C-alpha atoms as a PDB file:
ATOM      1  CA  UNK A   1      -1.447   8.151 -19.264  1.00  0.00           C
ATOM      2  CA  UNK A   2      -0.842  11.696 -20.435  1.00  0.00           C
ATOM      3  CA  UNK A   3      -2.348  13.203 -17.297  1.00  0.00           C
ATOM      4  CA  UNK A   4       0.063  11.414 -15.019  1.00  0.00           C
ATOM      5  CA  UNK A   5       3.631  12.545 -14.484  1.00  0.00           C
ATOM      6  CA  UNK A   6       5.886  10.612 -16.832  1.00  0.00           C
ATOM      7  CA  UNK A   7       9.625  10.167 -16.505  1.00  0.00           C
ATOM      8  CA  UNK A   8      11.269  10.179 -13.100  1.00  0.00           C
ATOM      9  CA  UNK A   9       8.031  10.782 -11.178  1.00  0.00           C
ATOM     10  CA  UNK A  10       6.297   7.730 -12.609  1.00  0.00           C
ATOM     11  CA  UNK A  11       9.409   5.585 -12.225  1.00  0.00           C
ATOM     12  CA  UNK A  12       9.653   6.628  -8.574  1.00  0.00           C
ATOM     13  CA  UNK A  13       5.990   5.726  -8.053  1.00  0.00           C
ATOM     14  CA  UNK A  14       6.531   2.253  -9.522  1.00  0.00           C
ATOM     15  CA  UNK A  15       9.674   1.606  -7.470  1.00  0.00           C
ATOM     16  CA  UNK A  16       8.134   2.934  -4.253  1.00  0.00           C
ATOM     17  CA  UNK A  17       4.934   0.940  -4.757  1.00  0.00           C
ATOM     18  CA  UNK A  18       6.745  -2.360  -5.141  1.00  0.00           C
ATOM     19  CA  UNK A  19       9.116  -1.654  -2.266  1.00  0.00           C
ATOM     20  CA  UNK A  20       6.150  -1.036   0.025  1.00  0.00           C
ATOM     21  CA  UNK A  21       4.047  -3.945  -1.245  1.00  0.00           C
ATOM     22  CA  UNK A  22       6.917  -6.406  -0.745  1.00  0.00           C
ATOM     23  CA  UNK A  23       7.482  -5.334   2.857  1.00  0.00           C
ATOM     24  CA  UNK A  24       5.841  -7.790   5.313  1.00  0.00           C
ATOM     25  CA  UNK A  25       2.834  -6.226   7.001  1.00  0.00           C
ATOM     26  CA  UNK A  26      -0.718  -7.034   8.186  1.00  0.00           C
ATOM     27  CA  UNK A  27      -2.089  -7.666   4.685  1.00  0.00           C
ATOM     28  CA  UNK A  28       0.713 -10.039   3.749  1.00  0.00           C
ATOM     29  CA  UNK A  29       0.437 -11.871   7.061  1.00  0.00           C
ATOM     30  CA  UNK A  30      -3.330 -12.283   6.694  1.00  0.00           C
ATOM     31  CA  UNK A  31      -3.072 -13.688   3.163  1.00  0.00           C
ATOM     32  CA  UNK A  32      -0.196 -15.979   4.095  1.00  0.00           C
ATOM     33  CA  UNK A  33      -1.995 -17.192   7.213  1.00  0.00           C
ATOM     34  CA  UNK A  34      -5.218 -18.006   5.370  1.00  0.00           C
ATOM     35  CA  UNK A  35      -3.349 -19.770   2.596  1.00  0.00           C
ATOM     36  CA  UNK A  36      -1.406 -21.864   5.095  1.00  0.00           C
ATOM     37  CA  UNK A  37      -4.500 -22.737   7.131  1.00  0.00           C
ATOM     38  CA  UNK A  38      -7.127 -23.335   4.439  1.00  0.00           C
ATOM     39  CA  UNK A  39      -5.351 -23.832   1.148  1.00  0.00           C
ATOM     40  CA  UNK A  40      -5.102 -22.096  -2.196  1.00  0.00           C
ATOM     41  CA  UNK A  41      -8.690 -20.942  -2.551  1.00  0.00           C
ATOM     42  CA  UNK A  42      -8.643 -19.177   0.809  1.00  0.00           C
ATOM     43  CA  UNK A  43      -5.300 -17.586  -0.041  1.00  0.00           C
ATOM     44  CA  UNK A  44      -6.693 -16.181  -3.294  1.00  0.00           C
ATOM     45  CA  UNK A  45      -9.899 -14.968  -1.646  1.00  0.00           C
ATOM     46  CA  UNK A  46      -8.000 -13.212   1.116  1.00  0.00           C
ATOM     47  CA  UNK A  47      -5.798 -11.475  -1.470  1.00  0.00           C
ATOM     48  CA  UNK A  48      -8.924 -10.365  -3.351  1.00  0.00           C
ATOM     49  CA  UNK A  49     -10.476  -9.039  -0.141  1.00  0.00           C
ATOM     50  CA  UNK A  50      -7.424  -6.981   0.758  1.00  0.00           C
ATOM     51  CA  UNK A  51      -7.274  -5.536  -2.764  1.00  0.00           C
ATOM     52  CA  UNK A  52     -10.980  -4.651  -2.669  1.00  0.00           C
ATOM     53  CA  UNK A  53     -10.246  -2.571   0.422  1.00  0.00           C
ATOM     54  CA  UNK A  54      -7.518  -0.746  -1.474  1.00  0.00           C
ATOM     55  CA  UNK A  55      -9.987   0.045  -4.269  1.00  0.00           C
ATOM     56  CA  UNK A  56     -12.293   1.774  -1.792  1.00  0.00           C
ATOM     57  CA  UNK A  57      -9.379   3.817  -0.436  1.00  0.00           C
ATOM     58  CA  UNK A  58      -8.489   4.750  -4.012  1.00  0.00           C
ATOM     59  CA  UNK A  59     -12.009   6.015  -4.767  1.00  0.00           C
ATOM     60  CA  UNK A  60     -12.172   8.029  -1.546  1.00  0.00           C
ATOM     61  CA  UNK A  61      -8.776   9.608  -2.163  1.00  0.00           C
ATOM     62  CA  UNK A  62      -9.410  10.322  -5.843  1.00  0.00           C
ATOM     63  CA  UNK A  63     -12.877  11.853  -5.650  1.00  0.00           C
ATOM     64  CA  UNK A  64     -12.554  13.418  -2.218  1.00  0.00           C
ATOM     65  CA  UNK A  65      -8.991  14.565  -1.788  1.00  0.00           C
ATOM     66  CA  UNK A  66      -8.431  15.022  -5.530  1.00  0.00           C
ATOM     67  CA  UNK A  67     -11.106  17.700  -5.802  1.00  0.00           C
ATOM     68  CA  UNK A  68      -9.846  19.501  -2.693  1.00  0.00           C
ATOM     69  CA  UNK A  69      -6.269  19.584  -3.948  1.00  0.00           C
ATOM     70  CA  UNK A  70      -7.353  20.989  -7.275  1.00  0.00           C
ATOM     71  CA  UNK A  71      -9.513  23.788  -5.869  1.00  0.00           C
ATOM     72  CA  UNK A  72      -7.837  24.872  -2.627  1.00  0.00           C
ATOM     73  CA  UNK A  73      -4.254  26.093  -2.334  1.00  0.00           C
ATOM     74  CA  UNK A  74      -4.255  26.036   1.516  1.00  0.00           C
ATOM     75  CA  UNK A  75      -5.600  22.475   1.486  1.00  0.00           C
ATOM     76  CA  UNK A  76      -2.910  21.491  -0.993  1.00  0.00           C
ATOM     77  CA  UNK A  77      -0.180  22.868   1.283  1.00  0.00           C
ATOM     78  CA  UNK A  78      -1.709  21.267   4.384  1.00  0.00           C
ATOM     79  CA  UNK A  79      -1.870  17.849   2.727  1.00  0.00           C
ATOM     80  CA  UNK A  80       1.638  18.317   1.408  1.00  0.00           C
ATOM     81  CA  UNK A  81       3.307  18.959   4.768  1.00  0.00           C
ATOM     82  CA  UNK A  82       1.143  16.624   6.834  1.00  0.00           C
ATOM     83  CA  UNK A  83       1.681  13.890   4.272  1.00  0.00           C
ATOM     84  CA  UNK A  84       5.430  14.500   4.224  1.00  0.00           C
ATOM     85  CA  UNK A  85       5.615  14.349   8.018  1.00  0.00           C
ATOM     86  CA  UNK A  86       3.592  11.145   8.122  1.00  0.00           C
ATOM     87  CA  UNK A  87       5.709   9.405   5.476  1.00  0.00           C
ATOM     88  CA  UNK A  88       8.930  10.363   7.253  1.00  0.00           C
ATOM     89  CA  UNK A  89       7.472   9.144  10.560  1.00  0.00           C
ATOM     90  CA  UNK A  90       6.511   5.812   8.975  1.00  0.00           C
ATOM     91  CA  UNK A  91       9.978   5.528   7.478  1.00  0.00           C
ATOM     92  CA  UNK A  92      11.815   5.975  10.779  1.00  0.00           C
ATOM     93  CA  UNK A  93       9.350   3.678  12.556  1.00  0.00           C
ATOM     94  CA  UNK A  94       9.952   0.976   9.947  1.00  0.00           C
ATOM     95  CA  UNK A  95      13.731   1.335  10.221  1.00  0.00           C
ATOM     96  CA  UNK A  96      13.593   1.073  14.015  1.00  0.00           C
ATOM     97  CA  UNK A  97      11.271  -1.938  13.954  1.00  0.00           C
ATOM     98  CA  UNK A  98      12.334  -4.172  11.048  1.00  0.00           C
ATOM     99  CA  UNK A  99       9.509  -6.244   9.625  1.00  0.00           C
ATOM    100  CA  UNK A 100       9.082  -9.829  10.743  1.00  0.00           C
ATOM    101  CA  UNK A 101       6.805 -12.395   9.196  1.00  0.00           C
ATOM    102  CA  UNK A 102       5.013 -14.185  12.040  1.00  0.00           C
ATOM    103  CA  UNK A 103       1.806 -15.830  10.829  1.00  0.00           C
ATOM    104  CA  UNK A 104      -0.922 -16.524  13.344  1.00  0.00           C
ATOM    105  CA  UNK A 105      -0.801 -19.931  15.013  1.00  0.00           C
ATOM    106  CA  UNK A 106      -3.314 -22.313  13.437  1.00  0.00           C
ATOM    107  CA  UNK A 107      -6.237 -19.916  12.805  1.00  0.00           C
ATOM    108  CA  UNK A 108      -9.683 -21.460  12.746  1.00  0.00           C
ATOM    109  CA  UNK A 109     -11.166 -22.290   9.362  1.00  0.00           C
ATOM    110  CA  UNK A 110     -13.548 -19.703   7.895  1.00  0.00           C
ATOM    111  CA  UNK A 111     -16.164 -19.896   5.141  1.00  0.00           C
ATOM    112  CA  UNK A 112     -14.964 -18.560   1.742  1.00  0.00           C
ATOM    113  CA  UNK A 113     -17.174 -15.473   1.939  1.00  0.00           C
ATOM    114  CA  UNK A 114     -15.912 -14.698   5.421  1.00  0.00           C
ATOM    115  CA  UNK A 115     -12.296 -15.053   4.287  1.00  0.00           C
ATOM    116  CA  UNK A 116     -12.874 -12.409   1.602  1.00  0.00           C
ATOM    117  CA  UNK A 117     -14.882 -10.127   3.877  1.00  0.00           C
ATOM    118  CA  UNK A 118     -12.338 -10.314   6.683  1.00  0.00           C
ATOM    119  CA  UNK A 119      -9.514  -9.307   4.340  1.00  0.00           C
ATOM    120  CA  UNK A 120     -11.650  -6.486   2.943  1.00  0.00           C
ATOM    121  CA  UNK A 121     -12.705  -5.130   6.333  1.00  0.00           C
ATOM    122  CA  UNK A 122      -9.256  -5.380   7.908  1.00  0.00           C
ATOM    123  CA  UNK A 123      -7.817  -3.285   5.083  1.00  0.00           C
ATOM    124  CA  UNK A 124     -10.739  -0.874   4.769  1.00  0.00           C
ATOM    125  CA  UNK A 125     -10.817   0.060   8.447  1.00  0.00           C
ATOM    126  CA  UNK A 126      -7.072   0.203   8.965  1.00  0.00           C
ATOM    127  CA  UNK A 127      -6.413   3.903   9.749  1.00  0.00           C
ATOM    128  CA  UNK A 128      -2.786   3.499   8.709  1.00  0.00           C
ATOM    129  CA  UNK A 129      -3.875   2.543   5.182  1.00  0.00           C
ATOM    130  CA  UNK A 130      -6.162   5.574   5.003  1.00  0.00           C
ATOM    131  CA  UNK A 131      -3.408   7.952   6.086  1.00  0.00           C
ATOM    132  CA  UNK A 132      -0.901   6.272   3.795  1.00  0.00           C
ATOM    133  CA  UNK A 133      -3.064   6.685   0.704  1.00  0.00           C
ATOM    134  CA  UNK A 134      -3.749  10.328   1.547  1.00  0.00           C
ATOM    135  CA  UNK A 135      -0.023  10.951   1.946  1.00  0.00           C
ATOM    136  CA  UNK A 136       1.326   8.749  -0.854  1.00  0.00           C
ATOM    137  CA  UNK A 137      -0.814   9.392  -3.930  1.00  0.00           C
ATOM    138  CA  UNK A 138      -0.969  13.231  -4.018  1.00  0.00           C
ATOM    139  CA  UNK A 139       2.760  13.731  -4.492  1.00  0.00           C
ATOM    140  CA  UNK A 140       2.655  11.947  -7.861  1.00  0.00           C
ATOM    141  CA  UNK A 141      -0.220  14.078  -9.167  1.00  0.00           C
ATOM    142  CA  UNK A 142       0.381  16.935 -11.577  1.00  0.00           C
ATOM    143  CA  UNK A 143      -2.113  19.725 -10.913  1.00  0.00           C
ATOM    144  CA  UNK A 144      -1.221  21.454 -14.180  1.00  0.00           C
ATOM    145  CA  UNK A 145      -3.414  19.031 -16.105  1.00  0.00           C
ATOM    146  CA  UNK A 146      -6.539  19.947 -14.053  1.00  0.00           C
ATOM    147  CA  UNK A 147      -7.382  16.276 -13.684  1.00  0.00           C
ATOM    148  CA  UNK A 148      -6.164  15.493 -10.179  1.00  0.00           C
ATOM    149  CA  UNK A 149      -8.984  13.053  -9.422  1.00  0.00           C
ATOM    150  CA  UNK A 150      -8.365  11.042 -12.572  1.00  0.00           C
ATOM    151  CA  UNK A 151      -4.634  10.910 -11.906  1.00  0.00           C
ATOM    152  CA  UNK A 152      -5.093   9.730  -8.316  1.00  0.00           C
ATOM    153  CA  UNK A 153      -7.621   7.123  -9.462  1.00  0.00           C
ATOM    154  CA  UNK A 154      -5.208   5.782 -12.065  1.00  0.00           C
ATOM    155  CA  UNK A 155      -2.307   5.650  -9.612  1.00  0.00           C
ATOM    156  CA  UNK A 156      -4.425   4.013  -6.922  1.00  0.00           C
ATOM    157  CA  UNK A 157      -5.706   1.379  -9.334  1.00  0.00           C
ATOM    158  CA  UNK A 158      -2.129   0.693 -10.416  1.00  0.00           C
ATOM    159  CA  UNK A 159      -1.083   0.221  -6.786  1.00  0.00           C
ATOM    160  CA  UNK A 160      -4.034  -2.124  -6.205  1.00  0.00           C
ATOM    161  CA  UNK A 161      -3.127  -4.108  -9.341  1.00  0.00           C
ATOM    162  CA  UNK A 162       0.451  -4.532  -8.135  1.00  0.00           C
ATOM    163  CA  UNK A 163      -0.862  -5.608  -4.744  1.00  0.00           C
ATOM    164  CA  UNK A 164      -3.065  -8.411  -6.049  1.00  0.00           C
ATOM    165  CA  UNK A 165      -0.353  -9.526  -8.490  1.00  0.00           C
ATOM    166  CA  UNK A 166       1.890 -10.089  -5.473  1.00  0.00           C
ATOM    167  CA  UNK A 167      -0.597 -11.317  -2.863  1.00  0.00           C
ATOM    168  CA  UNK A 168      -2.381 -13.820  -5.113  1.00  0.00           C
ATOM    169  CA  UNK A 169       0.688 -16.005  -5.744  1.00  0.00           C
ATOM    170  CA  UNK A 170       1.613 -15.593  -2.072  1.00  0.00           C
ATOM    171  CA  UNK A 171      -1.752 -16.972  -0.998  1.00  0.00           C
ATOM    172  CA  UNK A 172      -1.809 -19.659  -3.673  1.00  0.00           C
ATOM    173  CA  UNK A 173       1.650 -20.998  -2.844  1.00  0.00           C
ATOM    174  CA  UNK A 174       1.424 -20.139   0.856  1.00  0.00           C
ATOM    175  CA  UNK A 175       2.860 -23.439   2.049  1.00  0.00           C
ATOM    176  CA  UNK A 176       6.147 -23.153   0.202  1.00  0.00           C
ATOM    177  CA  UNK A 177       6.545 -19.377   0.171  1.00  0.00           C
ATOM    178  CA  UNK A 178       5.488 -19.012   3.788  1.00  0.00           C
ATOM    179  CA  UNK A 179       7.928 -21.603   5.006  1.00  0.00           C
ATOM    180  CA  UNK A 180      10.743 -20.073   2.951  1.00  0.00           C
ATOM    181  CA  UNK A 181      10.099 -16.574   4.316  1.00  0.00           C
ATOM    182  CA  UNK A 182       9.718 -17.714   7.918  1.00  0.00           C
ATOM    183  CA  UNK A 183      13.038 -19.571   7.764  1.00  0.00           C
ATOM    184  CA  UNK A 184      14.743 -16.426   6.459  1.00  0.00           C
ATOM    185  CA  UNK A 185      14.003 -13.560   8.877  1.00  0.00           C
ATOM    186  CA  UNK A 186      16.794 -11.583   7.244  1.00  0.00           C
ATOM    187  CA  UNK A 187      14.608 -11.156   4.153  1.00  0.00           C
ATOM    188  CA  UNK A 188      11.939  -9.409   6.205  1.00  0.00           C
ATOM    189  CA  UNK A 189      14.523  -7.173   7.892  1.00  0.00           C
ATOM    190  CA  UNK A 190      16.077  -6.247   4.535  1.00  0.00           C
ATOM    191  CA  UNK A 191      12.697  -5.405   3.031  1.00  0.00           C
ATOM    192  CA  UNK A 192      11.814  -3.393   6.133  1.00  0.00           C
ATOM    193  CA  UNK A 193      15.013  -1.377   5.791  1.00  0.00           C
ATOM    194  CA  UNK A 194      14.355  -0.761   2.118  1.00  0.00           C
ATOM    195  CA  UNK A 195      10.767   0.291   2.779  1.00  0.00           C
ATOM    196  CA  UNK A 196      11.783   2.641   5.593  1.00  0.00           C
ATOM    197  CA  UNK A 197      14.383   4.324   3.402  1.00  0.00           C
ATOM    198  CA  UNK A 198      11.878   4.705   0.549  1.00  0.00           C
ATOM    199  CA  UNK A 199       9.271   6.228   2.871  1.00  0.00           C
ATOM    200  CA  UNK A 200      11.723   8.798   4.264  1.00  0.00           C
ATOM    201  CA  UNK A 201      12.831   9.691   0.752  1.00  0.00           C
ATOM    202  CA  UNK A 202       9.227  10.116  -0.380  1.00  0.00           C
ATOM    203  CA  UNK A 203       8.468  12.319   2.620  1.00  0.00           C
ATOM    204  CA  UNK A 204      11.441  14.585   1.926  1.00  0.00           C
ATOM    205  CA  UNK A 205      10.563  14.742  -1.760  1.00  0.00           C
ATOM    206  CA  UNK A 206       6.994  15.728  -0.932  1.00  0.00           C
ATOM    207  CA  UNK A 207       8.068  18.401   1.547  1.00  0.00           C
ATOM    208  CA  UNK A 208      10.421  20.014  -0.974  1.00  0.00           C
ATOM    209  CA  UNK A 209       8.143  19.686  -4.006  1.00  0.00           C
ATOM    210  CA  UNK A 210       6.739  22.839  -5.585  1.00  0.00           C
ATOM    211  CA  UNK A 211       2.994  23.228  -6.125  1.00  0.00           C
ATOM    212  CA  UNK A 212       2.293  22.355  -9.772  1.00  0.00           C
END
């Protein structure tokens, strides 16, 4: 853990990660829908598929972007400002369109392997997830330690761990949790507002951060 920013930076990463994971979005809806339609096993498999997609994004960001950030000052600045702009844009978009949890209506049953693969592919080929990882992870990396790739890998794996810790119970208890969330649209709106505020704050923090 020594290579990763400790103190306020790490605390901010933990808080931001959970705020974003808890906000209703495509991944949550997919897991909830599969759990409701096909039971606990499908809910768990869909959560595993989504998390597997996040692992691929983590590897690409860590060993692609991490090397670039460590060796190129212009690339570092470009990622910094583009990432900041994207996070702020996502924040305002989330605030203007509060999240709602609307599962699909009676989806057709899928084989277990297809449930996993569908969750994996939907996450892997979601351009918003790609852009988010490229914008989110670099601002918590300390370049002074000369281990940017390792730091981004560790942070990405932590985010993926948090994701499956949340999505697995959601899929497993989809019947009860799904019904509770659907009957309380205010919960989704509150989480959307929190997520939007966090994203804007992260974008501003990234834009004002000094190169380390």
